[in-house]
Amino acid sequence: MAKLSSINKNERRKKLVAQYAAKYEKLKAIANDETLDETERLVARLKMAELPRNANPTRVRNRCATTGRPRGYYRKFGINRIELRDLGNKGLIPGLTKSSW
């Protein structure tokens, strides 16, 4: 199990990303638009820099829903590889079977 503080920190980051998502996307579109003047693009980049660091979507870490483990994460299931194996062996994940040959 991951440290509870790490899990909570990641949840706070998710909330900030959701809060600033529209503003961040708008500024990013302006900053990447090559048809605009350089000064407008620079102003947009400076405004992006004024946003909180944790409002950047790349700072959110994918974590297992049950244990909070950050590594070996499967996006399709939302859990890590160890939990996937345990739940798969118990038959709790539909369509997942342990292969043997």
N, C-alpha and C. Protein backbone atom coordinates (compact mmCIF):
# COMPACT_ATOMS: atom_id res chain seq x y z
N MET A 1 0.84 -1.18 0.00
CA MET A 1 0.00 0.00 0.00
C MET A 1 0.89 1.24 0.00
N ALA A 2 0.54 2.18 -0.86
CA ALA A 2 1.30 3.42 -0.94
C ALA A 2 1.01 4.31 0.27
N LYS A 3 1.93 5.24 0.51
CA LYS A 3 1.71 6.17 1.61
C LYS A 3 0.44 6.97 1.36
N LEU A 4 -0.33 7.14 2.38
CA LEU A 4 -1.60 7.86 2.26
C LEU A 4 -1.36 9.30 1.83
N SER A 5 -0.24 9.90 2.26
CA SER A 5 0.04 11.28 1.87
C SER A 5 0.27 11.39 0.36
N SER A 6 0.90 10.38 -0.24
CA SER A 6 1.12 10.39 -1.69
C SER A 6 -0.19 10.28 -2.45
N ILE A 7 -1.07 9.44 -1.94
CA ILE A 7 -2.38 9.27 -2.58
C ILE A 7 -3.18 10.55 -2.48
N ASN A 8 -3.18 11.17 -1.30
CA ASN A 8 -3.92 12.41 -1.10
C ASN A 8 -3.35 13.55 -1.94
N LYS A 9 -2.03 13.61 -2.06
CA LYS A 9 -1.40 14.64 -2.87
C LYS A 9 -1.83 14.52 -4.32
N ASN A 10 -1.89 13.29 -4.80
CA ASN A 10 -2.32 13.05 -6.18
C ASN A 10 -3.78 13.44 -6.38
N GLU A 11 -4.62 13.19 -5.38
CA GLU A 11 -6.03 13.57 -5.48
C GLU A 11 -6.19 15.09 -5.52
N ARG A 12 -5.37 15.80 -4.74
CA ARG A 12 -5.40 17.27 -4.78
C ARG A 12 -4.98 17.77 -6.16
N ARG A 13 -3.99 17.11 -6.75
CA ARG A 13 -3.54 17.49 -8.09
C ARG A 13 -4.66 17.28 -9.10
N LYS A 14 -5.39 16.18 -8.99
CA LYS A 14 -6.50 15.91 -9.91
C LYS A 14 -7.56 17.00 -9.83
N LYS A 15 -7.84 17.45 -8.61
CA LYS A 15 -8.83 18.52 -8.44
C LYS A 15 -8.35 19.82 -9.07
N LEU A 16 -7.08 20.16 -8.88
CA LEU A 16 -6.54 21.38 -9.48
C LEU A 16 -6.54 21.31 -11.00
N VAL A 17 -6.20 20.15 -11.54
CA VAL A 17 -6.21 19.98 -13.00
C VAL A 17 -7.62 20.19 -13.53
N ALA A 18 -8.61 19.62 -12.85
CA ALA A 18 -10.00 19.79 -13.29
C ALA A 18 -10.44 21.24 -13.18
N GLN A 19 -9.99 21.93 -12.15
CA GLN A 19 -10.37 23.32 -11.92
C GLN A 19 -9.81 24.24 -13.00
N TYR A 20 -8.57 24.02 -13.39
CA TYR A 20 -7.90 24.90 -14.35
C TYR A 20 -7.87 24.35 -15.77
N ALA A 21 -8.57 23.26 -16.05
CA ALA A 21 -8.46 22.59 -17.35
C ALA A 21 -8.84 23.51 -18.52
N ALA A 22 -9.95 24.20 -18.41
CA ALA A 22 -10.42 25.05 -19.51
C ALA A 22 -9.43 26.19 -19.77
N LYS A 23 -9.00 26.84 -18.70
CA LYS A 23 -8.06 27.97 -18.83
C LYS A 23 -6.73 27.49 -19.40
N TYR A 24 -6.26 26.34 -18.93
CA TYR A 24 -4.99 25.79 -19.39
C TYR A 24 -5.04 25.45 -20.87
N GLU A 25 -6.12 24.81 -21.31
CA GLU A 25 -6.25 24.43 -22.72
C GLU A 25 -6.34 25.67 -23.62
N LYS A 26 -7.06 26.70 -23.16
CA LYS A 26 -7.20 27.93 -23.93
C LYS A 26 -5.84 28.61 -24.12
N LEU A 27 -5.09 28.73 -23.03
CA LEU A 27 -3.78 29.36 -23.10
C LEU A 27 -2.80 28.53 -23.93
N LYS A 28 -2.90 27.22 -23.82
CA LYS A 28 -2.00 26.36 -24.58
C LYS A 28 -2.28 26.46 -26.07
N ALA A 29 -3.56 26.58 -26.43
CA ALA A 29 -3.92 26.72 -27.84
C ALA A 29 -3.38 28.03 -28.40
N ILE A 30 -3.46 29.10 -27.62
CA ILE A 30 -2.92 30.39 -28.05
C ILE A 30 -1.40 30.32 -28.19
N ALA A 31 -0.74 29.69 -27.22
CA ALA A 31 0.72 29.61 -27.23
C ALA A 31 1.24 28.78 -28.39
N ASN A 32 0.48 27.79 -28.83
CA ASN A 32 0.94 26.91 -29.91
C ASN A 32 0.46 27.36 -31.29
N ASP A 33 -0.38 28.38 -31.36
CA ASP A 33 -0.91 28.86 -32.64
C ASP A 33 0.14 29.71 -33.35
N GLU A 34 0.70 29.18 -34.43
CA GLU A 34 1.78 29.88 -35.13
C GLU A 34 1.29 31.02 -36.01
N THR A 35 -0.02 31.15 -36.20
CA THR A 35 -0.54 32.26 -37.00
C THR A 35 -0.59 33.55 -36.21
N LEU A 36 -0.54 33.46 -34.89
CA LEU A 36 -0.59 34.65 -34.04
C LEU A 36 0.78 35.30 -33.94
N ASP A 37 0.77 36.54 -33.46
CA ASP A 37 1.99 37.31 -33.26
C ASP A 37 2.79 36.69 -32.10
N GLU A 38 4.10 36.85 -32.16
CA GLU A 38 4.99 36.29 -31.14
C GLU A 38 4.71 36.85 -29.75
N THR A 39 4.34 38.14 -29.68
CA THR A 39 4.10 38.74 -28.37
C THR A 39 2.86 38.14 -27.72
N GLU A 40 1.81 37.89 -28.53
CA GLU A 40 0.60 37.26 -27.98
C GLU A 40 0.91 35.86 -27.45
N ARG A 41 1.72 35.13 -28.21
CA ARG A 41 2.08 33.78 -27.80
C ARG A 41 2.92 33.81 -26.53
N LEU A 42 3.82 34.80 -26.45
CA LEU A 42 4.66 34.92 -25.25
C LEU A 42 3.82 35.27 -24.03
N VAL A 43 2.85 36.16 -24.21
CA VAL A 43 1.97 36.54 -23.10
C VAL A 43 1.19 35.31 -22.62
N ALA A 44 0.73 34.48 -23.56
CA ALA A 44 0.00 33.27 -23.18
C ALA A 44 0.89 32.33 -22.39
N ARG A 45 2.15 32.20 -22.80
CA ARG A 45 3.08 31.33 -22.07
C ARG A 45 3.35 31.86 -20.67
N LEU A 46 3.46 33.17 -20.55
CA LEU A 46 3.69 33.77 -19.24
C LEU A 46 2.49 33.57 -18.32
N LYS A 47 1.28 33.66 -18.89
CA LYS A 47 0.08 33.41 -18.09
C LYS A 47 -0.01 31.95 -17.67
N MET A 48 0.44 31.05 -18.57
CA MET A 48 0.48 29.63 -18.19
C MET A 48 1.45 29.39 -17.05
N ALA A 49 2.54 30.14 -17.03
CA ALA A 49 3.53 29.99 -15.97
C ALA A 49 3.01 30.50 -14.63
N GLU A 50 2.02 31.40 -14.67
CA GLU A 50 1.45 31.93 -13.44
C GLU A 50 0.46 30.96 -12.79
N LEU A 51 -0.04 30.00 -13.56
CA LEU A 51 -0.95 29.01 -13.00
C LEU A 51 -0.19 28.13 -12.01
N PRO A 52 -0.90 27.53 -11.07
CA PRO A 52 -0.21 26.63 -10.12
C PRO A 52 0.46 25.47 -10.86
N ARG A 53 1.59 25.04 -10.37
CA ARG A 53 2.31 23.93 -11.02
C ARG A 53 1.47 22.67 -11.08
N ASN A 54 0.73 22.41 -10.03
CA ASN A 54 -0.06 21.18 -9.98
C ASN A 54 -1.31 21.25 -10.85
N ALA A 55 -1.53 22.37 -11.53
CA ALA A 55 -2.65 22.47 -12.47
C ALA A 55 -2.28 21.88 -13.83
N ASN A 56 -1.01 21.53 -14.00
CA ASN A 56 -0.56 20.92 -15.23
C ASN A 56 -0.94 19.44 -15.24
N PRO A 57 -1.63 18.97 -16.29
CA PRO A 57 -2.10 17.58 -16.31
C PRO A 57 -0.98 16.54 -16.26
N THR A 58 0.23 16.90 -16.66
CA THR A 58 1.31 15.91 -16.64
C THR A 58 1.80 15.61 -15.24
N ARG A 59 1.41 16.38 -14.27
CA ARG A 59 1.85 16.13 -12.89
C ARG A 59 0.98 15.12 -12.16
N VAL A 60 -0.14 14.74 -12.76
CA VAL A 60 -1.01 13.73 -12.15
C VAL A 60 -0.41 12.36 -12.44
N ARG A 61 -0.33 11.54 -11.44
CA ARG A 61 0.25 10.21 -11.56
C ARG A 61 -0.86 9.17 -11.56
N ASN A 62 -0.78 8.22 -12.50
CA ASN A 62 -1.75 7.11 -12.51
C ASN A 62 -1.44 6.19 -11.34
N ARG A 63 -2.44 5.94 -10.52
CA ARG A 63 -2.26 5.07 -9.36
C ARG A 63 -3.35 4.03 -9.30
N CYS A 64 -3.02 2.90 -8.71
CA CYS A 64 -3.98 1.80 -8.54
C CYS A 64 -5.15 2.28 -7.69
N ALA A 65 -6.35 1.88 -8.08
CA ALA A 65 -7.54 2.31 -7.35
C ALA A 65 -7.65 1.65 -5.98
N THR A 66 -7.11 0.44 -5.84
CA THR A 66 -7.25 -0.27 -4.57
C THR A 66 -6.08 -0.04 -3.62
N THR A 67 -4.85 -0.02 -4.15
CA THR A 67 -3.68 0.08 -3.27
C THR A 67 -2.96 1.41 -3.36
N GLY A 68 -3.13 2.14 -4.45
CA GLY A 68 -2.43 3.41 -4.63
C GLY A 68 -1.04 3.23 -5.20
N ARG A 69 -0.70 2.02 -5.62
CA ARG A 69 0.64 1.75 -6.17
C ARG A 69 0.81 2.48 -7.50
N PRO A 70 1.92 3.23 -7.68
CA PRO A 70 2.08 4.03 -8.89
C PRO A 70 2.68 3.27 -10.07
N ARG A 71 3.26 2.12 -9.84
CA ARG A 71 3.94 1.41 -10.92
C ARG A 71 3.15 0.18 -11.35
N GLY A 72 3.36 -0.21 -12.60
CA GLY A 72 2.68 -1.39 -13.13
C GLY A 72 1.19 -1.16 -13.27
N TYR A 73 0.80 0.05 -13.66
CA TYR A 73 -0.60 0.47 -13.73
C TYR A 73 -1.19 0.10 -15.09
N TYR A 74 -2.35 -0.55 -15.09
CA TYR A 74 -3.07 -0.87 -16.32
C TYR A 74 -4.23 0.10 -16.46
N ARG A 75 -4.19 0.92 -17.50
CA ARG A 75 -5.23 1.93 -17.69
C ARG A 75 -6.60 1.32 -17.92
N LYS A 76 -6.63 0.23 -18.65
CA LYS A 76 -7.91 -0.41 -19.00
C LYS A 76 -8.68 -0.82 -17.75
N PHE A 77 -7.96 -1.26 -16.73
CA PHE A 77 -8.61 -1.74 -15.51
C PHE A 77 -8.54 -0.76 -14.36
N GLY A 78 -7.57 0.16 -14.39
CA GLY A 78 -7.42 1.14 -13.32
C GLY A 78 -6.74 0.58 -12.09
N ILE A 79 -6.08 -0.57 -12.23
CA ILE A 79 -5.38 -1.19 -11.10
C ILE A 79 -3.98 -1.60 -11.54
N ASN A 80 -3.15 -1.97 -10.56
CA ASN A 80 -1.79 -2.37 -10.89
C ASN A 80 -1.72 -3.85 -11.24
N ARG A 81 -0.55 -4.29 -11.67
CA ARG A 81 -0.37 -5.65 -12.17
C ARG A 81 -0.59 -6.70 -11.10
N ILE A 82 -0.23 -6.40 -9.87
CA ILE A 82 -0.37 -7.37 -8.78
C ILE A 82 -1.85 -7.59 -8.46
N GLU A 83 -2.59 -6.49 -8.33
CA GLU A 83 -4.03 -6.58 -8.07
C GLU A 83 -4.75 -7.24 -9.24
N LEU A 84 -4.30 -6.93 -10.47
CA LEU A 84 -4.91 -7.54 -11.65
C LEU A 84 -4.77 -9.05 -11.60
N ARG A 85 -3.59 -9.52 -11.23
CA ARG A 85 -3.37 -10.96 -11.13
C ARG A 85 -4.22 -11.60 -10.04
N ASP A 86 -4.27 -10.95 -8.87
CA ASP A 86 -5.06 -11.49 -7.76
C ASP A 86 -6.54 -11.56 -8.11
N LEU A 87 -7.07 -10.45 -8.63
CA LEU A 87 -8.49 -10.42 -8.97
C LEU A 87 -8.80 -11.35 -10.14
N GLY A 88 -7.86 -11.47 -11.08
CA GLY A 88 -8.06 -12.37 -12.21
C GLY A 88 -8.08 -13.82 -11.78
N ASN A 89 -7.22 -14.18 -10.84
CA ASN A 89 -7.20 -15.56 -10.34
C ASN A 89 -8.47 -15.90 -9.56
N LYS A 90 -9.04 -14.90 -8.91
CA LYS A 90 -10.29 -15.12 -8.16
C LYS A 90 -11.51 -15.09 -9.07
N GLY A 91 -11.31 -14.69 -10.33
CA GLY A 91 -12.43 -14.64 -11.27
C GLY A 91 -13.30 -13.42 -11.12
N LEU A 92 -12.75 -12.35 -10.57
CA LEU A 92 -13.53 -11.13 -10.33
C LEU A 92 -13.49 -10.14 -11.47
N ILE A 93 -12.64 -10.41 -12.49
CA ILE A 93 -12.57 -9.53 -13.65
C ILE A 93 -13.16 -10.28 -14.83
N PRO A 94 -14.31 -9.84 -15.36
CA PRO A 94 -14.96 -10.55 -16.46
C PRO A 94 -14.09 -10.59 -17.71
N GLY A 95 -14.01 -11.74 -18.32
CA GLY A 95 -13.28 -11.89 -19.57
C GLY A 95 -11.79 -12.14 -19.39
N LEU A 96 -11.29 -12.12 -18.18
CA LEU A 96 -9.86 -12.31 -17.92
C LEU A 96 -9.66 -13.73 -17.39
N THR A 97 -8.84 -14.49 -18.09
CA THR A 97 -8.53 -15.84 -17.63
C THR A 97 -7.02 -16.01 -17.57
N LYS A 98 -6.58 -16.82 -16.64
CA LYS A 98 -5.15 -17.12 -16.52
C LYS A 98 -4.79 -18.11 -17.61
N SER A 99 -3.79 -17.76 -18.39
CA SER A 99 -3.43 -18.66 -19.49
C SER A 99 -2.42 -19.69 -18.98
N SER A 100 -2.52 -20.87 -19.52
CA SER A 100 -1.55 -21.92 -19.22
C SER A 100 -1.42 -22.79 -20.45
N TRP A 101 -0.21 -23.25 -20.72
CA TRP A 101 0.01 -24.09 -21.89
C TRP A 101 1.05 -25.13 -21.62
